[in-house]
Amino acid sequence: MPLPLIPTSSNEGHGTRVSGAKVQRNAIMMRQLVINVAEAIYQQLQDRVGPRGIDRFIEDAVRPHLDASSELDAGYAAMASDPDREREATEWAEALIGDACR
């Protein structure tokens, strides 16, 4: 049974299919996300990956940006916990400020 179509003004009357259900794919719980994209973008997605491959394509495109953020945060935390590195960074910053004042 298809999900109900809820018309909204933001998508010019096409409607948005809404569901709070979780979907399981490959033993990973998935959440449904409704997004709006330009018609041309949607057509290109369908042409490139097919209508059933859009979710995987978007997930694969987004994941590196989210993982990179986590890795960056972990890297900064590791650097901040290293007292020798922090001392060296402070000395470098103070020397740089001293050079700018001359």
C-alpha atoms as a PDB file:
ATOM      1  CA  MET A   1       0.000   0.000   0.000  1.00  0.00           C
ATOM      2  CA  PRO A   2       1.551   3.357  -1.006  1.00  0.00           C
ATOM      3  CA  LEU A   3       2.093   6.062   1.559  1.00  0.00           C
ATOM      4  CA  PRO A   4      -0.409   8.926   1.644  1.00  0.00           C
ATOM      5  CA  LEU A   5       0.343  11.909  -0.573  1.00  0.00           C
ATOM      6  CA  ILE A   6       0.434  15.148   1.425  1.00  0.00           C
ATOM      7  CA  PRO A   7       0.403  18.275  -0.771  1.00  0.00           C
ATOM      8  CA  THR A   8       2.780  21.017   0.278  1.00  0.00           C
ATOM      9  CA  SER A   9       3.413  24.437  -1.187  1.00  0.00           C
ATOM     10  CA  SER A  10       7.209  23.946  -1.137  1.00  0.00           C
ATOM     11  CA  ASN A  11       7.080  21.283  -3.819  1.00  0.00           C
ATOM     12  CA  GLU A  12       4.473  22.911  -6.033  1.00  0.00           C
ATOM     13  CA  GLY A  13       1.617  20.503  -5.410  1.00  0.00           C
ATOM     14  CA  HIS A  14       3.495  17.309  -6.192  1.00  0.00           C
ATOM     15  CA  GLY A  15       3.134  16.207  -2.587  1.00  0.00           C
ATOM     16  CA  THR A  16       5.468  14.478  -0.209  1.00  0.00           C
ATOM     17  CA  ARG A  17       5.203  10.863   0.827  1.00  0.00           C
ATOM     18  CA  VAL A  18       5.653  10.679   4.567  1.00  0.00           C
ATOM     19  CA  SER A  19       6.440   7.726   6.783  1.00  0.00           C
ATOM     20  CA  GLY A  20       7.803   7.354  10.266  1.00  0.00           C
ATOM     21  CA  ALA A  21       8.674   3.717   9.624  1.00  0.00           C
ATOM     22  CA  LYS A  22      12.173   2.371   9.864  1.00  0.00           C
ATOM     23  CA  VAL A  23      13.471   0.214   7.036  1.00  0.00           C
ATOM     24  CA  GLN A  24      16.062  -2.509   7.448  1.00  0.00           C
ATOM     25  CA  ARG A  25      18.654  -2.983   4.704  1.00  0.00           C
ATOM     26  CA  ASN A  26      21.565  -5.410   5.109  1.00  0.00           C
ATOM     27  CA  ALA A  27      20.993  -5.706   8.893  1.00  0.00           C
ATOM     28  CA  ILE A  28      21.357  -1.932   9.352  1.00  0.00           C
ATOM     29  CA  MET A  29      18.354   0.050  10.528  1.00  0.00           C
ATOM     30  CA  MET A  30      17.500   2.746   8.023  1.00  0.00           C
ATOM     31  CA  ARG A  31      15.384   5.884   8.514  1.00  0.00           C
ATOM     32  CA  GLN A  32      13.338   7.405   5.765  1.00  0.00           C
ATOM     33  CA  LEU A  33      14.281  10.956   4.809  1.00  0.00           C
ATOM     34  CA  VAL A  34      12.216  13.171   2.552  1.00  0.00           C
ATOM     35  CA  ILE A  35      14.182  15.796   0.628  1.00  0.00           C
ATOM     36  CA  ASN A  36      13.282  18.213  -2.125  1.00  0.00           C
ATOM     37  CA  VAL A  37      15.534  18.641  -5.150  1.00  0.00           C
ATOM     38  CA  ALA A  38      15.162  20.477  -8.426  1.00  0.00           C
ATOM     39  CA  GLU A  39      13.401  18.494 -11.148  1.00  0.00           C
ATOM     40  CA  ALA A  40      16.558  18.516 -13.303  1.00  0.00           C
ATOM     41  CA  ILE A  41      18.626  17.026 -10.473  1.00  0.00           C
ATOM     42  CA  TYR A  42      16.035  14.330  -9.862  1.00  0.00           C
ATOM     43  CA  GLN A  43      16.010  13.427 -13.572  1.00  0.00           C
ATOM     44  CA  GLN A  44      19.796  13.179 -13.610  1.00  0.00           C
ATOM     45  CA  LEU A  45      19.732  10.944 -10.530  1.00  0.00           C
ATOM     46  CA  GLN A  46      17.159   8.663 -12.131  1.00  0.00           C
ATOM     47  CA  ASP A  47      19.132   8.528 -15.390  1.00  0.00           C
ATOM     48  CA  ARG A  48      22.421   7.791 -13.625  1.00  0.00           C
ATOM     49  CA  VAL A  49      21.453   5.370 -10.828  1.00  0.00           C
ATOM     50  CA  GLY A  50      17.827   4.480 -11.494  1.00  0.00           C
ATOM     51  CA  PRO A  51      14.864   5.278  -9.247  1.00  0.00           C
ATOM     52  CA  ARG A  52      15.714   2.492  -6.777  1.00  0.00           C
ATOM     53  CA  GLY A  53      19.367   3.516  -6.447  1.00  0.00           C
ATOM     54  CA  ILE A  54      18.936   7.158  -5.454  1.00  0.00           C
ATOM     55  CA  ASP A  55      18.954   6.524  -1.706  1.00  0.00           C
ATOM     56  CA  ARG A  56      22.224   4.548  -1.843  1.00  0.00           C
ATOM     57  CA  PHE A  57      23.813   7.122  -4.178  1.00  0.00           C
ATOM     58  CA  ILE A  58      22.974  10.017  -1.825  1.00  0.00           C
ATOM     59  CA  GLU A  59      24.093   8.064   1.248  1.00  0.00           C
ATOM     60  CA  ASP A  60      27.421   7.209  -0.410  1.00  0.00           C
ATOM     61  CA  ALA A  61      27.884  10.870  -1.404  1.00  0.00           C
ATOM     62  CA  VAL A  62      27.127  12.219   2.083  1.00  0.00           C
ATOM     63  CA  ARG A  63      28.946   9.652   4.250  1.00  0.00           C
ATOM     64  CA  PRO A  64      32.535  10.859   3.552  1.00  0.00           C
ATOM     65  CA  HIS A  65      31.593  14.375   4.661  1.00  0.00           C
ATOM     66  CA  LEU A  66      30.203  13.104   7.951  1.00  0.00           C
ATOM     67  CA  ASP A  67      33.043  10.645   8.568  1.00  0.00           C
ATOM     68  CA  ALA A  68      35.652  13.306   7.770  1.00  0.00           C
ATOM     69  CA  SER A  69      34.134  15.587  10.389  1.00  0.00           C
ATOM     70  CA  SER A  70      34.353  12.855  13.031  1.00  0.00           C
ATOM     71  CA  GLU A  71      37.937  12.051  12.069  1.00  0.00           C
ATOM     72  CA  LEU A  72      38.854  15.731  12.205  1.00  0.00           C
ATOM     73  CA  ASP A  73      37.319  16.108  15.665  1.00  0.00           C
ATOM     74  CA  ALA A  74      39.183  13.015  16.858  1.00  0.00           C
ATOM     75  CA  GLY A  75      42.433  14.366  15.433  1.00  0.00           C
ATOM     76  CA  TYR A  76      42.018  17.721  17.183  1.00  0.00           C
ATOM     77  CA  ALA A  77      41.205  15.954  20.458  1.00  0.00           C
ATOM     78  CA  ALA A  78      44.316  13.787  20.149  1.00  0.00           C
ATOM     79  CA  MET A  79      46.499  16.825  19.443  1.00  0.00           C
ATOM     80  CA  ALA A  80      45.018  18.742  22.381  1.00  0.00           C
ATOM     81  CA  SER A  81      45.735  15.842  24.738  1.00  0.00           C
ATOM     82  CA  ASP A  82      49.445  15.834  23.807  1.00  0.00           C
ATOM     83  CA  PRO A  83      51.154  18.304  26.214  1.00  0.00           C
ATOM     84  CA  ASP A  84      54.389  18.475  24.169  1.00  0.00           C
ATOM     85  CA  ARG A  85      52.475  19.326  21.007  1.00  0.00           C
ATOM     86  CA  GLU A  86      50.386  21.940  22.847  1.00  0.00           C
ATOM     87  CA  ARG A  87      53.549  23.551  24.300  1.00  0.00           C
ATOM     88  CA  GLU A  88      55.150  23.606  20.852  1.00  0.00           C
ATOM     89  CA  ALA A  89      52.013  25.104  19.282  1.00  0.00           C
ATOM     90  CA  THR A  90      51.866  27.801  21.994  1.00  0.00           C
ATOM     91  CA  GLU A  91      55.542  28.697  21.448  1.00  0.00           C
ATOM     92  CA  TRP A  92      54.968  28.909  17.691  1.00  0.00           C
ATOM     93  CA  ALA A  93      51.868  31.104  18.091  1.00  0.00           C
ATOM     94  CA  GLU A  94      53.615  33.456  20.543  1.00  0.00           C
ATOM     95  CA  ALA A  95      56.638  33.746  18.220  1.00  0.00           C
ATOM     96  CA  LEU A  96      54.342  34.544  15.319  1.00  0.00           C
ATOM     97  CA  ILE A  97      52.613  37.277  17.322  1.00  0.00           C
ATOM     98  CA  GLY A  98      56.009  38.652  18.336  1.00  0.00           C
ATOM     99  CA  ASP A  99      57.077  38.809  14.685  1.00  0.00           C
ATOM    100  CA  ALA A 100      53.882  40.637  13.750  1.00  0.00           C
ATOM    101  CA  CYS A 101      54.494  43.282  16.424  1.00  0.00           C
ATOM    102  CA  ARG A 102      57.927  44.218  15.045  1.00  0.00           C
END
